[in-house]
């Protein structure tokens, strides 16, 4: 438990900025000293538990939305670092871990369901879209740093995933900066073509896309089926290792019992597999 002493003036300033005492995280307490000159914010640690999803109320302007959610796998222990799946939801959705809880059968991965920093998609220039993507990545990694205070995270086994709107965002984020990610999952989506300008930045990123595992899944009847296929071709040309799965008989929805995706996650999150991929990338740099 963390205690921060602040003056009464500090409280007034905080209330003016945030609108109410609800600016503090859920479970926090504000205690006043006997003479009334100082107050203490008692920061309540989140109650993470194996097999449960926990809501984290957001009080940081650089993290998207009002909250994000964290699922701790039912086999979690603090004896080692764990791979993490970050999930971006579709239009009209909300931060959730349900899809990947089902895909992973609740085991093996910490799952973090994120909200977006903004929903305005009317980008008129390449530069504005890239700046937007940078803000989304900053939001994701700020949430990661918060969670890593309480759970053991493996920074070399981070997976970016999304469906529909979240799938398009995942494609854009991995395209612009693949380096932090062990792999990406794009479901029911493709890529926004103008998110990839012919510039030094995207050329440099090719080095990190090389051999990067990317899974793309889309329903047979999904309106984004063609876009998903084109995205697969694009990332293959960039040197990524693309796994493509078409969900037979499905429309715009995930296949939550996909054995292909479940095996893809297991294979690409294995510590030994990660070391082999790192060695392959180092070898490619020297050629």
Protein backbone atom coordinates (compact mmCIF):
# COMPACT_ATOMS: atom_id res chain seq x y z
CA UNK A 1 0.00 0.00 0.00
CA UNK A 2 1.38 3.40 -1.01
CA UNK A 3 0.71 6.58 1.01
CA UNK A 4 1.18 10.01 -0.56
CA UNK A 5 0.89 13.13 1.67
CA UNK A 6 -0.59 16.20 0.02
CA UNK A 7 -1.87 19.55 1.29
CA UNK A 8 -5.46 20.72 1.25
CA UNK A 9 -4.51 23.05 -1.63
CA UNK A 10 -3.29 20.03 -3.61
CA UNK A 11 -6.68 18.40 -3.15
CA UNK A 12 -8.45 21.51 -4.45
CA UNK A 13 -6.19 21.58 -7.52
CA UNK A 14 -6.80 17.89 -8.20
CA UNK A 15 -10.56 18.30 -7.86
CA UNK A 16 -10.50 21.25 -10.26
CA UNK A 17 -8.62 19.16 -12.82
CA UNK A 18 -10.56 15.91 -12.43
CA UNK A 19 -13.99 17.18 -11.52
CA UNK A 20 -14.50 15.08 -8.39
CA UNK A 21 -12.78 12.83 -5.92
CA UNK A 22 -13.59 10.01 -8.36
CA UNK A 23 -10.37 11.04 -10.07
CA UNK A 24 -8.64 8.67 -7.66
CA UNK A 25 -8.40 5.00 -8.41
CA UNK A 26 -11.17 2.69 -7.21
CA UNK A 27 -10.43 1.62 -3.65
CA UNK A 28 -8.23 4.63 -2.81
CA UNK A 29 -8.90 6.52 0.41
CA UNK A 30 -8.31 10.17 1.32
CA UNK A 31 -7.46 10.66 5.01
CA UNK A 32 -7.23 14.02 6.73
CA UNK A 33 -4.72 14.86 9.47
CA UNK A 34 -6.03 15.85 12.92
CA UNK A 35 -5.35 19.54 12.36
CA UNK A 36 -6.92 19.41 8.89
CA UNK A 37 -3.84 20.81 7.13
CA UNK A 38 -2.82 17.67 5.25
CA UNK A 39 -4.54 14.82 3.54
CA UNK A 40 -3.18 11.43 2.55
CA UNK A 41 -4.14 9.43 -0.53
CA UNK A 42 -3.99 5.75 0.41
CA UNK A 43 -3.31 4.02 -2.88
CA UNK A 44 -5.08 0.66 -2.97
CA UNK A 45 -3.18 -2.06 -4.80
CA UNK A 46 -5.30 -3.87 -7.42
CA UNK A 47 -6.54 -7.25 -6.28
CA UNK A 48 -5.23 -9.48 -9.05
CA UNK A 49 -6.10 -13.15 -8.66
CA UNK A 50 -5.44 -16.19 -10.85
CA UNK A 51 -8.39 -17.00 -13.08
CA UNK A 52 -10.03 -13.59 -12.67
CA UNK A 53 -10.41 -10.39 -14.71
CA UNK A 54 -9.73 -7.12 -12.88
CA UNK A 55 -10.83 -3.64 -13.95
CA UNK A 56 -8.24 -0.87 -13.62
CA UNK A 57 -9.76 2.63 -13.59
CA UNK A 58 -7.60 5.01 -15.58
CA UNK A 59 -6.42 8.35 -14.22
CA UNK A 60 -3.76 9.01 -16.85
CA UNK A 61 -4.51 11.13 -19.92
CA UNK A 62 -1.98 9.11 -21.93
CA UNK A 63 -3.89 5.85 -21.43
CA UNK A 64 -6.98 5.44 -23.60
CA UNK A 65 -10.46 5.47 -22.11
CA UNK A 66 -11.66 5.36 -18.54
CA UNK A 67 -10.37 1.88 -17.76
CA UNK A 68 -8.66 -1.25 -19.01
CA UNK A 69 -9.02 -4.85 -17.84
CA UNK A 70 -6.46 -7.47 -16.88
CA UNK A 71 -6.97 -11.23 -16.84
CA UNK A 72 -4.55 -13.35 -14.81
CA UNK A 73 -4.29 -16.93 -16.13
CA UNK A 74 -5.57 -19.63 -13.83
CA UNK A 75 -2.14 -21.30 -13.83
CA UNK A 76 -0.29 -18.09 -12.91
CA UNK A 77 2.50 -18.19 -10.34
CA UNK A 78 5.10 -15.57 -9.47
CA UNK A 79 7.98 -17.94 -10.12
CA UNK A 80 8.65 -16.76 -13.69
CA UNK A 81 7.81 -14.04 -16.20
CA UNK A 82 4.67 -14.51 -18.30
CA UNK A 83 3.78 -13.69 -21.91
CA UNK A 84 1.14 -10.99 -22.38
CA UNK A 85 -1.64 -10.59 -24.94
CA UNK A 86 -2.89 -7.03 -25.54
CA UNK A 87 -6.35 -7.01 -27.12
CA UNK A 88 -7.99 -4.14 -29.03
CA UNK A 89 -11.77 -4.51 -29.39
CA UNK A 90 -14.01 -3.80 -32.37
CA UNK A 91 -16.31 -0.86 -33.08
CA UNK A 92 -18.96 -0.47 -30.38
CA UNK A 93 -17.07 -2.78 -28.04
CA UNK A 94 -15.32 -2.19 -24.74
CA UNK A 95 -12.11 -3.37 -23.04
CA UNK A 96 -12.42 -7.14 -22.74
CA UNK A 97 -10.34 -10.29 -22.38
CA UNK A 98 -13.12 -12.76 -23.26
CA UNK A 99 -12.01 -13.69 -26.79
CA UNK A 100 -8.50 -14.66 -25.75
CA UNK A 101 -9.59 -16.21 -22.46
CA UNK A 102 -11.56 -18.63 -24.62
CA UNK A 103 -8.83 -19.13 -27.20
CA UNK A 104 -6.16 -19.82 -24.55
CA UNK A 105 -8.61 -21.74 -22.34
CA UNK A 106 -7.67 -19.32 -19.57
CA UNK A 107 -4.11 -20.56 -19.32
CA UNK A 108 -0.59 -19.47 -20.16
CA UNK A 109 -1.07 -15.74 -20.83
CA UNK A 110 -1.77 -12.54 -18.98
CA UNK A 111 -4.40 -10.76 -21.11
CA UNK A 112 -4.93 -7.00 -21.14
CA UNK A 113 -8.01 -5.52 -22.81
CA UNK A 114 -7.35 -1.93 -23.88
CA UNK A 115 -9.42 1.09 -24.88
CA UNK A 116 -8.41 3.56 -27.61
CA UNK A 117 -6.92 6.98 -26.97
CA UNK A 118 -9.47 8.38 -29.43
CA UNK A 119 -12.00 7.21 -32.01
CA UNK A 120 -11.57 9.88 -34.67
CA UNK A 121 -10.52 7.98 -37.78
CA UNK A 122 -10.75 10.80 -40.30
CA UNK A 123 -7.02 11.03 -40.91
CA UNK A 124 -6.26 13.20 -43.90
CA UNK A 125 -2.48 12.81 -43.91
CA UNK A 126 0.02 10.03 -43.41
CA UNK A 127 1.75 12.02 -40.69
CA UNK A 128 -1.41 12.47 -38.62
CA UNK A 129 -2.13 8.74 -38.77
CA UNK A 130 1.40 7.82 -37.72
CA UNK A 131 1.22 10.26 -34.79
CA UNK A 132 -2.10 8.68 -33.78
CA UNK A 133 -0.53 5.20 -33.85
CA UNK A 134 2.32 6.42 -31.65
CA UNK A 135 -0.21 7.62 -29.08
CA UNK A 136 -1.96 4.25 -29.13
CA UNK A 137 1.33 2.44 -28.56
CA UNK A 138 2.22 4.82 -25.73
CA UNK A 139 -1.15 4.02 -24.12
CA UNK A 140 -0.54 0.28 -24.36
CA UNK A 141 2.92 0.45 -22.87
CA UNK A 142 1.88 2.76 -20.04
CA UNK A 143 -0.74 0.17 -19.10
CA UNK A 144 1.94 -2.53 -19.31
CA UNK A 145 4.23 -0.62 -16.97
CA UNK A 146 1.41 -0.27 -14.46
CA UNK A 147 0.54 -3.98 -14.54
CA UNK A 148 4.22 -4.99 -14.31
CA UNK A 149 4.33 -3.45 -10.83
CA UNK A 150 2.08 -6.27 -9.63
CA UNK A 151 2.46 -9.16 -12.10
CA UNK A 152 5.56 -10.75 -13.62
CA UNK A 153 5.66 -9.84 -17.31
CA UNK A 154 8.07 -11.07 -19.97
CA UNK A 155 8.87 -8.01 -22.09
CA UNK A 156 10.22 -10.26 -24.85
CA UNK A 157 6.92 -12.12 -25.23
CA UNK A 158 4.35 -9.40 -25.86
CA UNK A 159 1.59 -10.05 -28.41
CA UNK A 160 -0.55 -7.36 -30.01
CA UNK A 161 -4.00 -8.51 -31.10
CA UNK A 162 -7.29 -7.05 -32.27
CA UNK A 163 -10.55 -7.70 -34.08
CA UNK A 164 -12.32 -5.48 -36.63
CA UNK A 165 -11.36 -1.89 -35.71
CA UNK A 166 -8.80 -3.40 -33.33
CA UNK A 167 -7.47 -5.61 -36.11
CA UNK A 168 -6.90 -2.63 -38.38
CA UNK A 169 -5.15 -0.83 -35.52
CA UNK A 170 -3.02 -3.88 -34.82
CA UNK A 171 -1.95 -4.01 -38.47
CA UNK A 172 -1.04 -0.32 -38.42
CA UNK A 173 0.88 -0.56 -35.15
CA UNK A 174 2.89 -3.64 -36.14
CA UNK A 175 3.58 -2.11 -39.55
CA UNK A 176 4.96 1.09 -38.08
CA UNK A 177 6.88 -0.44 -35.19
CA UNK A 178 7.20 -4.22 -35.03
CA UNK A 179 10.21 -4.22 -32.74
CA UNK A 180 8.48 -4.46 -29.31
CA UNK A 181 6.24 -7.34 -30.34
CA UNK A 182 6.82 -11.09 -30.33
CA UNK A 183 3.92 -11.41 -32.76
CA UNK A 184 0.56 -10.02 -33.84
CA UNK A 185 -2.97 -11.36 -34.34
CA UNK A 186 -5.27 -9.60 -36.83
CA UNK A 187 -8.87 -10.86 -36.92
CA UNK A 188 -11.68 -9.70 -39.17
CA UNK A 189 -9.55 -6.90 -40.61
CA UNK A 190 -6.79 -5.91 -43.00
CA UNK A 191 -4.63 -2.84 -43.09
CA UNK A 192 -5.19 0.83 -43.89
CA UNK A 193 -2.99 1.29 -46.99
CA UNK A 194 -1.91 4.86 -46.34
CA UNK A 195 -0.55 3.85 -42.92
CA UNK A 196 2.53 2.63 -44.76
CA UNK A 197 4.27 5.56 -46.48
CA UNK A 198 7.38 5.02 -48.55
CA UNK A 199 9.76 6.58 -46.06
CA UNK A 200 12.85 5.89 -44.02
CA UNK A 201 10.77 4.84 -41.01
CA UNK A 202 8.92 2.05 -42.79
CA UNK A 203 12.11 0.87 -44.50
CA UNK A 204 13.84 0.62 -41.15
CA UNK A 205 10.88 -1.32 -39.75
CA UNK A 206 11.29 -4.03 -42.41
CA UNK A 207 14.23 -5.33 -40.39
CA UNK A 208 11.91 -5.98 -37.45
CA UNK A 209 9.08 -7.38 -39.59
CA UNK A 210 11.44 -9.99 -41.01
CA UNK A 211 10.52 -13.40 -39.51
CA UNK A 212 7.88 -11.73 -37.30
CA UNK A 213 5.00 -14.17 -36.63
CA UNK A 214 1.67 -12.68 -37.75
CA UNK A 215 -1.61 -14.57 -37.61
CA UNK A 216 -4.51 -13.33 -39.75
CA UNK A 217 -7.97 -14.86 -39.30
CA UNK A 218 -11.16 -13.88 -41.08
CA UNK A 219 -14.64 -15.29 -41.60
CA UNK A 220 -15.48 -16.88 -44.93
CA UNK A 221 -18.43 -14.48 -45.20
CA UNK A 222 -16.70 -11.49 -43.59
CA UNK A 223 -16.93 -8.23 -45.57
CA UNK A 224 -13.23 -7.73 -44.80
CA UNK A 225 -12.16 -11.09 -46.23
CA UNK A 226 -10.40 -9.52 -49.23
CA UNK A 227 -8.69 -6.91 -47.03
CA UNK A 228 -7.43 -9.64 -44.71
CA UNK A 229 -5.95 -11.58 -47.63
CA UNK A 230 -4.27 -8.47 -49.01
CA UNK A 231 -2.80 -7.75 -45.58
CA UNK A 232 -1.38 -11.26 -45.49
CA UNK A 233 0.27 -10.74 -48.87
CA UNK A 234 1.64 -7.36 -47.77
CA UNK A 235 3.26 -8.70 -44.60
CA UNK A 236 4.67 -11.73 -46.44
CA UNK A 237 6.38 -9.38 -48.89
CA UNK A 238 7.87 -7.58 -45.89
CA UNK A 239 9.39 -10.85 -44.71
CA UNK A 240 6.95 -11.69 -41.91
CA UNK A 241 5.91 -15.29 -41.18
CA UNK A 242 2.19 -15.11 -41.90
CA UNK A 243 -0.32 -17.73 -40.82
CA UNK A 244 -3.68 -17.24 -42.55
CA UNK A 245 -6.90 -18.93 -41.42
CA UNK A 246 -10.32 -18.58 -43.01
CA UNK A 247 -13.19 -19.31 -40.61
CA UNK A 248 -15.54 -21.56 -42.58
CA UNK A 249 -19.17 -20.51 -42.45
CA UNK A 250 -18.50 -17.48 -40.23
CA UNK A 251 -19.00 -13.79 -40.89
CA UNK A 252 -17.53 -10.83 -39.04
CA UNK A 253 -16.65 -12.62 -35.82
CA UNK A 254 -13.71 -14.42 -34.21
CA UNK A 255 -13.33 -18.19 -34.07
CA UNK A 256 -12.85 -18.61 -30.34
CA UNK A 257 -12.14 -22.34 -30.58
CA UNK A 258 -9.48 -22.00 -33.30
CA UNK A 259 -6.91 -24.75 -32.78
CA UNK A 260 -4.68 -23.07 -35.37
CA UNK A 261 -4.54 -19.84 -33.37
CA UNK A 262 -4.20 -21.68 -30.06
CA UNK A 263 -1.22 -23.63 -31.41
CA UNK A 264 0.22 -20.47 -33.00
CA UNK A 265 0.20 -18.74 -29.62
CA UNK A 266 1.72 -21.73 -27.84
CA UNK A 267 4.48 -22.07 -30.42
CA UNK A 268 5.39 -18.41 -30.65
CA UNK A 269 5.26 -17.76 -26.91
CA UNK A 270 7.63 -20.61 -26.08
CA UNK A 271 10.86 -19.30 -24.60
CA UNK A 272 13.00 -21.50 -26.85
CA UNK A 273 11.10 -20.40 -29.97
CA UNK A 274 11.70 -16.77 -29.04
CA UNK A 275 15.44 -17.37 -28.72
CA UNK A 276 15.54 -19.06 -32.12
CA UNK A 277 13.70 -16.11 -33.71
CA UNK A 278 16.11 -13.64 -32.12
CA UNK A 279 19.07 -15.61 -33.44
CA UNK A 280 17.54 -15.69 -36.94
CA UNK A 281 17.07 -11.91 -36.92
CA UNK A 282 20.66 -11.35 -35.80
CA UNK A 283 21.88 -13.64 -38.58
CA UNK A 284 19.78 -11.71 -41.14
CA UNK A 285 21.37 -8.44 -40.05
CA UNK A 286 24.84 -9.74 -40.83
CA UNK A 287 23.94 -11.04 -44.29
